[in-house]
Amino acid sequence: MIKTKIKIITKEDIQLEYNNLLNNSDTYFLNSRKDKEDFRQFINGLYQAEGTMGAYFPRENSLSIRFSFSMGQNYSSEAVKVFLNLKKVLGVGAIKLEFDSKNQVHIRYVVSNTKEIFIFVLPYFSLLYGQKRRDKATLEKIYKISLDIATISKKGLKPYMLIVNEFINLVYSINPNGQERKLPLINKLTLFNCESITYYDKVKIEENNNLPTKLFIIGLFLGDGSFGFVFDNPPLRSPKFYIKIVFNFAAQSYTNSNIELLELVAKSMGLEPQIYVRKTGMIGLEYRGDTVYNYIMPFLNEHFEWLFWRKKQFINIQKIVAIFKNKGHLNKEGLQQIVILLYDIPNKYGKPKEFWIDLIEKRFSSLENLSK
């Protein structure tokens, strides 16, 4: 059996690496105009997959409001560099290192200053699609109404109930798939005596019908994409194993605008929009076999420098593809190498690596005994 020695990374190791990255942040900055525009395309795509913006009432009995903008990612030195560059480009915000209750590590770029969000951040993220684009337009509408309410209040007057009703409904509508509010919508409306007013959504959305750029798609893949393999051992194929590569990405909520986004992504890549629906109700694009080998892999390889924390995964997939091309998957050593490379890619596997290594060994040993 092949054994691999695993180095355990401690919380202190991560904190030290993170601090070193912050101290050397100037070395990660993209300087040329083209680099900056390419980065904008990329980071808009990453936000489409991983970003959130929102508004909330810090007090139940008040209409004062706070705004937030956030992008998160599992911790890696590459993710830190990406967010450091974003902070440098925008000139605002903060980067936070977070450990959850299970000691899983995350890195997050956050902006909470209202003026910074509306002056610097939102104009930069103008390339969004679907629900994320709607959230942006809604946030801008909320901000405008909040200024109107503040002006009226300074004069010692009370805002019209119709305006208050619209304001509260808009705040509760943004990022609808996010965390539930502590105070339900109807309770908030009741506090301000406007629960009986019928609300009509008047937010105007100018849909983005442009084909997403290649770097936008790369950002989308980094945030919400994955390579996987269907790996099975049907007895009738013994000693052969069934192996098929699967590529899926761009998981979005099931809405018409997000279906349109997926169709635009596929069109931009020169592919048919093979849209799947997950059990969770999310939708995405999925491709298998030759489409991955002939279209997806060359596409990602062309933009390898932008794969950041997915580079290792992509290199392993390239090695697996090379084994297939050389017919290595038909012999014991090749199959075992595929398993090792697969399990080197973080994923949720149904069986441990050793199960497949041992099974391959037994299958081919049985075949050798039969041939004697």
Protein backbone atom coordinates (compact mmCIF):
# COMPACT_ATOMS: atom_id res chain seq x y z
CA MET A 1 0.00 0.00 0.00
CA ILE A 2 1.21 3.50 -0.87
CA LYS A 3 1.42 5.78 2.17
CA THR A 4 1.69 9.55 2.14
CA LYS A 5 3.06 11.57 5.02
CA ILE A 6 0.73 14.48 5.76
CA LYS A 7 2.06 17.66 7.32
CA ILE A 8 -0.31 19.09 9.91
CA ILE A 9 -0.81 22.86 9.54
CA THR A 10 -1.60 24.54 12.85
CA LYS A 11 -3.63 27.64 13.57
CA GLU A 12 -0.40 29.41 14.51
CA ASP A 13 1.18 28.47 11.15
CA ILE A 14 -1.73 30.03 9.27
CA GLN A 15 -1.69 33.17 11.40
CA LEU A 16 2.06 33.59 10.81
CA GLU A 17 1.73 33.08 7.04
CA TYR A 18 -1.20 35.53 6.96
CA ASN A 19 0.76 38.21 8.81
CA ASN A 20 3.72 37.78 6.44
CA LEU A 21 1.41 38.18 3.44
CA LEU A 22 -0.02 41.41 4.87
CA ASN A 23 3.48 42.78 5.49
CA ASN A 24 4.46 42.15 1.87
CA SER A 25 1.20 43.21 0.24
CA ASP A 26 2.78 45.69 -2.20
CA THR A 27 4.45 42.84 -4.12
CA TYR A 28 1.08 41.42 -5.24
CA PHE A 29 -0.30 44.55 -6.87
CA LEU A 30 -1.08 44.57 -10.60
CA ASN A 31 0.40 47.69 -12.16
CA SER A 32 -0.46 47.95 -15.85
CA ARG A 33 -3.80 49.25 -17.09
CA LYS A 34 -4.51 45.94 -18.83
CA ASP A 35 -3.75 43.98 -15.66
CA LYS A 36 -6.14 46.18 -13.71
CA GLU A 37 -8.96 45.76 -16.25
CA ASP A 38 -8.34 42.01 -16.42
CA PHE A 39 -8.47 41.87 -12.63
CA ARG A 40 -11.76 43.78 -12.62
CA GLN A 41 -13.31 41.23 -14.99
CA PHE A 42 -11.97 38.37 -12.87
CA ILE A 43 -13.05 39.76 -9.49
CA ASN A 44 -16.55 40.58 -10.77
CA GLY A 45 -16.87 36.92 -11.76
CA LEU A 46 -15.62 35.79 -8.36
CA TYR A 47 -18.10 38.11 -6.65
CA GLN A 48 -20.91 36.70 -8.82
CA ALA A 49 -20.17 33.34 -7.20
CA GLU A 50 -19.05 34.26 -3.68
CA GLY A 51 -20.01 37.85 -2.86
CA THR A 52 -22.82 39.38 -0.83
CA MET A 53 -24.06 42.91 -0.32
CA GLY A 54 -26.81 43.89 2.03
CA ALA A 55 -28.56 46.36 4.29
CA TYR A 56 -29.95 45.85 7.76
CA PHE A 57 -31.56 47.73 10.63
CA PRO A 58 -29.30 47.61 13.72
CA ARG A 59 -32.27 48.43 15.97
CA GLU A 60 -35.77 47.00 15.74
CA ASN A 61 -37.62 50.23 16.51
CA SER A 62 -35.55 52.48 14.25
CA LEU A 63 -35.22 53.18 10.52
CA SER A 64 -31.50 53.91 10.79
CA ILE A 65 -29.67 51.55 8.49
CA ARG A 66 -26.27 50.02 7.86
CA PHE A 67 -24.81 48.63 4.66
CA SER A 68 -22.35 45.82 4.06
CA PHE A 69 -20.28 44.37 1.25
CA SER A 70 -18.38 41.11 1.58
CA MET A 71 -16.46 38.47 -0.37
CA GLY A 72 -15.23 35.27 1.25
CA GLN A 73 -13.13 32.26 0.37
CA ASN A 74 -11.56 29.27 2.08
CA TYR A 75 -8.15 30.33 3.35
CA SER A 76 -5.14 30.04 1.07
CA SER A 77 -2.17 32.32 0.50
CA GLU A 78 -3.45 32.88 -3.06
CA ALA A 79 -6.89 33.99 -1.81
CA VAL A 80 -5.22 36.46 0.55
CA LYS A 81 -3.22 37.92 -2.35
CA VAL A 82 -6.37 38.31 -4.46
CA PHE A 83 -8.17 40.20 -1.69
CA LEU A 84 -5.09 42.31 -0.92
CA ASN A 85 -5.04 43.34 -4.56
CA LEU A 86 -8.75 44.20 -4.47
CA LYS A 87 -8.20 46.33 -1.36
CA LYS A 88 -5.32 48.10 -3.12
CA VAL A 89 -7.38 48.74 -6.27
CA LEU A 90 -10.39 50.14 -4.41
CA GLY A 91 -8.42 51.85 -1.65
CA VAL A 92 -11.04 50.87 0.95
CA GLY A 93 -12.13 47.91 3.04
CA ALA A 94 -10.47 45.39 5.33
CA ILE A 95 -9.31 41.78 5.12
CA LYS A 96 -10.26 39.43 7.94
CA LEU A 97 -8.92 36.02 8.89
CA GLU A 98 -11.65 33.91 10.48
CA PHE A 99 -11.70 30.52 12.24
CA ASP A 100 -15.10 28.87 12.65
CA SER A 101 -16.24 26.52 15.43
CA LYS A 102 -14.65 23.56 13.61
CA ASN A 103 -11.38 25.46 13.13
CA GLN A 104 -12.02 25.76 9.39
CA VAL A 105 -10.20 28.85 8.12
CA HIS A 106 -11.72 31.53 5.91
CA ILE A 107 -10.49 34.80 4.49
CA ARG A 108 -12.89 37.67 3.90
CA TYR A 109 -12.80 41.10 2.27
CA VAL A 110 -15.34 43.44 3.87
CA VAL A 111 -16.47 47.04 3.48
CA SER A 112 -18.90 48.51 6.02
CA ASN A 113 -18.47 52.26 5.52
CA THR A 114 -21.55 53.53 3.67
CA LYS A 115 -19.85 56.19 1.56
CA GLU A 116 -17.03 53.84 0.57
CA ILE A 117 -19.54 51.22 -0.58
CA PHE A 118 -21.46 53.63 -2.81
CA ILE A 119 -18.57 55.78 -4.06
CA PHE A 120 -15.88 53.15 -4.66
CA VAL A 121 -17.20 49.59 -4.43
CA LEU A 122 -20.52 49.41 -6.28
CA PRO A 123 -19.33 51.28 -9.40
CA TYR A 124 -16.43 48.82 -9.64
CA PHE A 125 -18.79 45.83 -9.49
CA SER A 126 -20.96 46.89 -12.41
CA LEU A 127 -20.44 43.74 -14.51
CA LEU A 128 -22.77 41.49 -12.52
CA TYR A 129 -25.71 39.40 -13.70
CA GLY A 130 -28.99 38.05 -12.35
CA GLN A 131 -29.79 38.26 -8.65
CA LYS A 132 -26.45 39.90 -7.83
CA ARG A 133 -27.23 42.70 -10.28
CA ARG A 134 -30.70 43.08 -8.76
CA ASP A 135 -29.18 43.28 -5.27
CA LYS A 136 -26.89 46.07 -6.44
CA ALA A 137 -29.78 48.09 -7.94
CA THR A 138 -31.87 47.49 -4.81
CA LEU A 139 -29.06 48.62 -2.52
CA GLU A 140 -28.70 51.85 -4.50
CA LYS A 141 -32.47 52.44 -4.20
CA ILE A 142 -32.36 51.78 -0.45
CA TYR A 143 -29.52 54.28 -0.06
CA LYS A 144 -31.45 56.97 -1.93
CA ILE A 145 -34.57 56.47 0.19
CA SER A 146 -32.49 56.46 3.40
CA LEU A 147 -31.13 59.89 2.48
CA ASP A 148 -34.67 61.15 1.79
CA ILE A 149 -35.90 59.85 5.15
CA ALA A 150 -32.92 61.42 6.94
CA THR A 151 -33.64 64.79 5.29
CA ILE A 152 -37.31 64.66 6.30
CA SER A 153 -36.46 63.64 9.86
CA LYS A 154 -34.01 66.54 10.25
CA LYS A 155 -36.91 68.89 9.57
CA GLY A 156 -38.82 67.34 12.46
CA LEU A 157 -41.31 65.67 10.13
CA LYS A 158 -42.37 62.06 9.73
CA PRO A 159 -41.90 60.35 6.35
CA TYR A 160 -45.00 59.16 4.52
CA MET A 161 -46.08 55.63 5.44
CA LEU A 162 -45.89 54.66 1.76
CA ILE A 163 -42.17 55.54 1.71
CA VAL A 164 -41.52 53.73 5.00
CA ASN A 165 -43.32 50.64 3.69
CA GLU A 166 -41.25 50.61 0.50
CA PHE A 167 -38.04 51.24 2.44
CA ILE A 168 -38.56 48.33 4.84
CA ASN A 169 -39.65 45.94 2.08
CA LEU A 170 -36.58 46.77 0.01
CA VAL A 171 -34.21 46.17 2.92
CA TYR A 172 -35.80 42.78 3.56
CA SER A 173 -35.75 41.85 -0.13
CA ILE A 174 -32.02 42.21 -0.70
CA ASN A 175 -29.96 39.01 -0.71
CA PRO A 176 -33.14 36.90 -0.26
CA ASN A 177 -31.18 33.65 0.01
CA GLY A 178 -29.04 34.97 2.85
CA GLN A 179 -29.58 34.55 6.57
CA GLU A 180 -33.06 35.09 7.95
CA ARG A 181 -33.71 38.37 9.73
CA LYS A 182 -34.09 38.29 13.50
CA LEU A 183 -37.27 40.34 13.25
CA PRO A 184 -39.74 39.08 10.60
CA LEU A 185 -40.83 41.52 7.89
CA ILE A 186 -44.45 41.75 9.07
CA ASN A 187 -43.30 42.61 12.62
CA LYS A 188 -41.03 45.40 11.33
CA LEU A 189 -43.85 46.84 9.21
CA THR A 190 -46.24 46.66 12.18
CA LEU A 191 -43.81 48.62 14.37
CA PHE A 192 -44.13 51.52 11.92
CA ASN A 193 -47.89 51.13 11.32
CA CYS A 194 -47.56 50.36 7.61
CA GLU A 195 -48.29 46.63 7.52
CA SER A 196 -51.64 47.17 5.73
CA ILE A 197 -50.07 48.95 2.73
CA THR A 198 -49.61 46.79 -0.36
CA TYR A 199 -46.02 46.89 -1.59
CA TYR A 200 -45.16 46.92 -5.29
CA ASP A 201 -41.58 46.32 -6.40
CA LYS A 202 -40.55 49.42 -8.37
CA VAL A 203 -36.83 48.77 -8.63
CA LYS A 204 -35.74 49.13 -12.25
CA ILE A 205 -33.10 46.65 -13.36
CA GLU A 206 -31.07 47.14 -16.49
CA GLU A 207 -30.19 43.54 -17.31
CA ASN A 208 -26.65 42.72 -18.41
CA ASN A 209 -27.03 40.89 -21.74
CA ASN A 210 -23.37 41.10 -22.70
CA LEU A 211 -21.43 37.89 -23.09
CA PRO A 212 -19.27 37.42 -19.97
CA THR A 213 -15.56 37.72 -20.67
CA LYS A 214 -13.20 34.78 -20.28
CA LEU A 215 -11.73 36.19 -17.07
CA PHE A 216 -15.20 36.79 -15.62
CA ILE A 217 -15.88 33.10 -16.28
CA ILE A 218 -12.58 32.13 -14.64
CA GLY A 219 -13.59 34.10 -11.52
CA LEU A 220 -16.97 32.39 -11.56
CA PHE A 221 -15.25 29.00 -11.78
CA LEU A 222 -12.91 29.74 -8.87
CA GLY A 223 -15.84 30.68 -6.70
CA ASP A 224 -18.35 28.05 -7.75
CA GLY A 225 -16.79 25.37 -9.90
CA SER A 226 -15.25 21.97 -9.54
CA PHE A 227 -13.73 19.02 -11.33
CA GLY A 228 -14.92 15.61 -10.33
CA PHE A 229 -14.67 12.01 -11.45
CA VAL A 230 -17.26 9.28 -11.59
CA PHE A 231 -15.17 6.37 -10.32
CA ASP A 232 -16.86 2.98 -10.04
CA ASN A 233 -16.06 -0.74 -10.17
CA PRO A 234 -18.91 -2.60 -11.90
CA PRO A 235 -18.26 -6.38 -11.55
CA LEU A 236 -19.11 -7.05 -15.21
CA ARG A 237 -16.20 -4.83 -16.28
CA SER A 238 -13.65 -6.48 -13.98
CA PRO A 239 -10.76 -5.81 -13.78
CA LYS A 240 -11.56 -2.55 -15.57
CA PHE A 241 -12.93 0.45 -13.67
CA TYR A 242 -15.46 3.01 -14.86
CA ILE A 243 -13.93 6.49 -14.77
CA LYS A 244 -15.42 9.65 -16.25
CA ILE A 245 -14.40 13.28 -15.73
CA VAL A 246 -17.11 15.79 -14.76
CA PHE A 247 -16.82 19.59 -14.78
CA ASN A 248 -19.50 21.75 -13.20
CA PHE A 249 -19.63 25.38 -12.20
CA ALA A 250 -21.64 28.59 -11.95
CA ALA A 251 -24.10 27.30 -9.34
CA GLN A 252 -26.81 29.94 -8.98
CA SER A 253 -30.30 30.18 -7.51
CA TYR A 254 -33.02 28.89 -9.83
CA THR A 255 -34.31 32.09 -11.45
CA ASN A 256 -34.95 33.12 -15.05
CA SER A 257 -32.18 35.73 -14.94
CA ASN A 258 -29.66 33.17 -13.68
CA ILE A 259 -30.68 30.71 -16.40
CA GLU A 260 -29.93 33.49 -18.87
CA LEU A 261 -26.52 34.00 -17.21
CA LEU A 262 -25.67 30.30 -17.61
CA GLU A 263 -26.72 30.42 -21.25
CA LEU A 264 -24.49 33.46 -21.82
CA VAL A 265 -21.54 31.72 -20.09
CA ALA A 266 -21.94 28.64 -22.28
CA LYS A 267 -22.25 30.78 -25.42
CA SER A 268 -19.12 32.74 -24.51
CA MET A 269 -17.23 29.43 -24.20
CA GLY A 270 -18.62 28.10 -27.47
CA LEU A 271 -20.60 25.33 -25.73
CA GLU A 272 -24.20 24.18 -25.57
CA PRO A 273 -25.81 25.25 -22.26
CA GLN A 274 -26.03 21.92 -20.42
CA ILE A 275 -27.88 23.15 -17.34
CA TYR A 276 -28.45 20.85 -14.37
CA VAL A 277 -30.63 21.29 -11.28
CA ARG A 278 -29.26 20.19 -7.90
CA LYS A 279 -31.36 18.71 -5.11
CA THR A 280 -30.87 21.99 -3.25
CA GLY A 281 -32.67 23.83 -6.07
CA MET A 282 -29.48 25.46 -7.35
CA ILE A 283 -28.70 25.37 -11.06
CA GLY A 284 -25.38 25.25 -12.90
CA LEU A 285 -23.53 24.06 -15.98
CA GLU A 286 -22.19 20.53 -16.23
CA TYR A 287 -19.97 18.92 -18.87
CA ARG A 288 -18.42 15.47 -19.13
CA GLY A 289 -15.91 13.43 -21.06
CA ASP A 290 -14.65 14.75 -24.39
CA THR A 291 -16.17 18.21 -23.87
CA VAL A 292 -13.98 18.61 -20.79
CA TYR A 293 -10.87 17.31 -22.56
CA ASN A 294 -11.35 19.27 -25.79
CA TYR A 295 -12.86 22.56 -24.58
CA ILE A 296 -12.77 23.09 -20.81
CA MET A 297 -9.16 22.01 -20.18
CA PRO A 298 -7.68 24.16 -23.01
CA PHE A 299 -9.82 27.11 -21.84
CA LEU A 300 -8.51 26.88 -18.27
CA ASN A 301 -4.95 26.22 -19.40
CA GLU A 302 -5.04 29.43 -21.47
CA HIS A 303 -5.72 31.36 -18.24
CA PHE A 304 -3.62 29.24 -15.88
CA GLU A 305 -2.08 32.26 -14.13
CA TRP A 306 -5.59 33.32 -13.02
CA LEU A 307 -6.49 30.00 -11.44
CA PHE A 308 -4.78 31.00 -8.17
CA TRP A 309 -5.90 28.49 -5.47
CA ARG A 310 -7.17 26.06 -8.13
CA LYS A 311 -3.78 25.65 -9.83
CA LYS A 312 -2.85 22.49 -7.95
CA GLN A 313 -6.23 20.95 -8.72
CA PHE A 314 -5.86 21.78 -12.40
CA ILE A 315 -2.31 20.36 -12.57
CA ASN A 316 -3.54 17.09 -11.02
CA ILE A 317 -6.37 16.91 -13.55
CA GLN A 318 -3.85 17.45 -16.35
CA LYS A 319 -1.79 14.52 -15.00
CA ILE A 320 -4.89 12.32 -14.90
CA VAL A 321 -5.80 13.28 -18.47
CA ALA A 322 -2.24 12.37 -19.56
CA ILE A 323 -2.62 8.93 -17.93
CA PHE A 324 -5.85 8.39 -19.88
CA LYS A 325 -4.26 9.42 -23.18
CA ASN A 326 -1.44 6.95 -22.62
CA LYS A 327 -3.97 4.18 -21.76
CA GLY A 328 -2.53 4.05 -18.24
CA HIS A 329 -6.03 3.65 -16.75
CA LEU A 330 -6.07 0.10 -18.16
CA ASN A 331 -3.30 -1.15 -15.86
CA LYS A 332 -2.90 -1.38 -12.11
CA GLU A 333 -0.18 1.23 -11.66
CA GLY A 334 -2.01 3.81 -13.76
CA LEU A 335 -5.29 3.32 -11.91
CA GLN A 336 -3.63 3.62 -8.52
CA GLN A 337 -1.87 6.79 -9.63
CA ILE A 338 -5.22 8.25 -10.73
CA VAL A 339 -6.69 7.50 -7.31
CA ILE A 340 -3.75 9.18 -5.54
CA LEU A 341 -4.08 12.28 -7.74
CA LEU A 342 -7.85 12.41 -7.22
CA TYR A 343 -7.61 12.22 -3.45
CA ASP A 344 -4.98 14.94 -3.47
CA ILE A 345 -7.79 17.27 -4.64
CA PRO A 346 -10.00 18.40 -1.71
CA ASN A 347 -13.47 16.92 -2.14
CA LYS A 348 -16.12 14.91 -0.35
CA TYR A 349 -15.45 11.30 -1.26
CA GLY A 350 -17.78 8.45 -0.37
CA LYS A 351 -14.97 5.99 0.25
CA PRO A 352 -11.42 6.44 1.57
CA LYS A 353 -8.48 6.39 -0.84
CA GLU A 354 -7.21 3.09 0.60
CA PHE A 355 -10.46 1.36 -0.40
CA TRP A 356 -9.78 1.96 -4.09
CA ILE A 357 -6.03 1.26 -3.87
CA ASP A 358 -6.70 -2.11 -2.23
CA LEU A 359 -9.56 -2.97 -4.61
CA ILE A 360 -7.41 -2.25 -7.66
CA GLU A 361 -4.65 -4.41 -6.19
CA LYS A 362 -7.06 -7.31 -5.58
CA ARG A 363 -8.71 -7.05 -8.99
CA PHE A 364 -5.44 -7.23 -10.89
CA SER A 365 -4.00 -9.90 -8.58
CA SER A 366 -7.04 -12.08 -9.31
CA LEU A 367 -6.55 -11.54 -13.03
CA GLU A 368 -2.87 -12.51 -12.78
CA ASN A 369 -3.76 -15.71 -10.88
CA LEU A 370 -6.33 -16.67 -13.54
CA SER A 371 -3.79 -16.24 -16.31
CA LYS A 372 -1.28 -18.60 -14.69
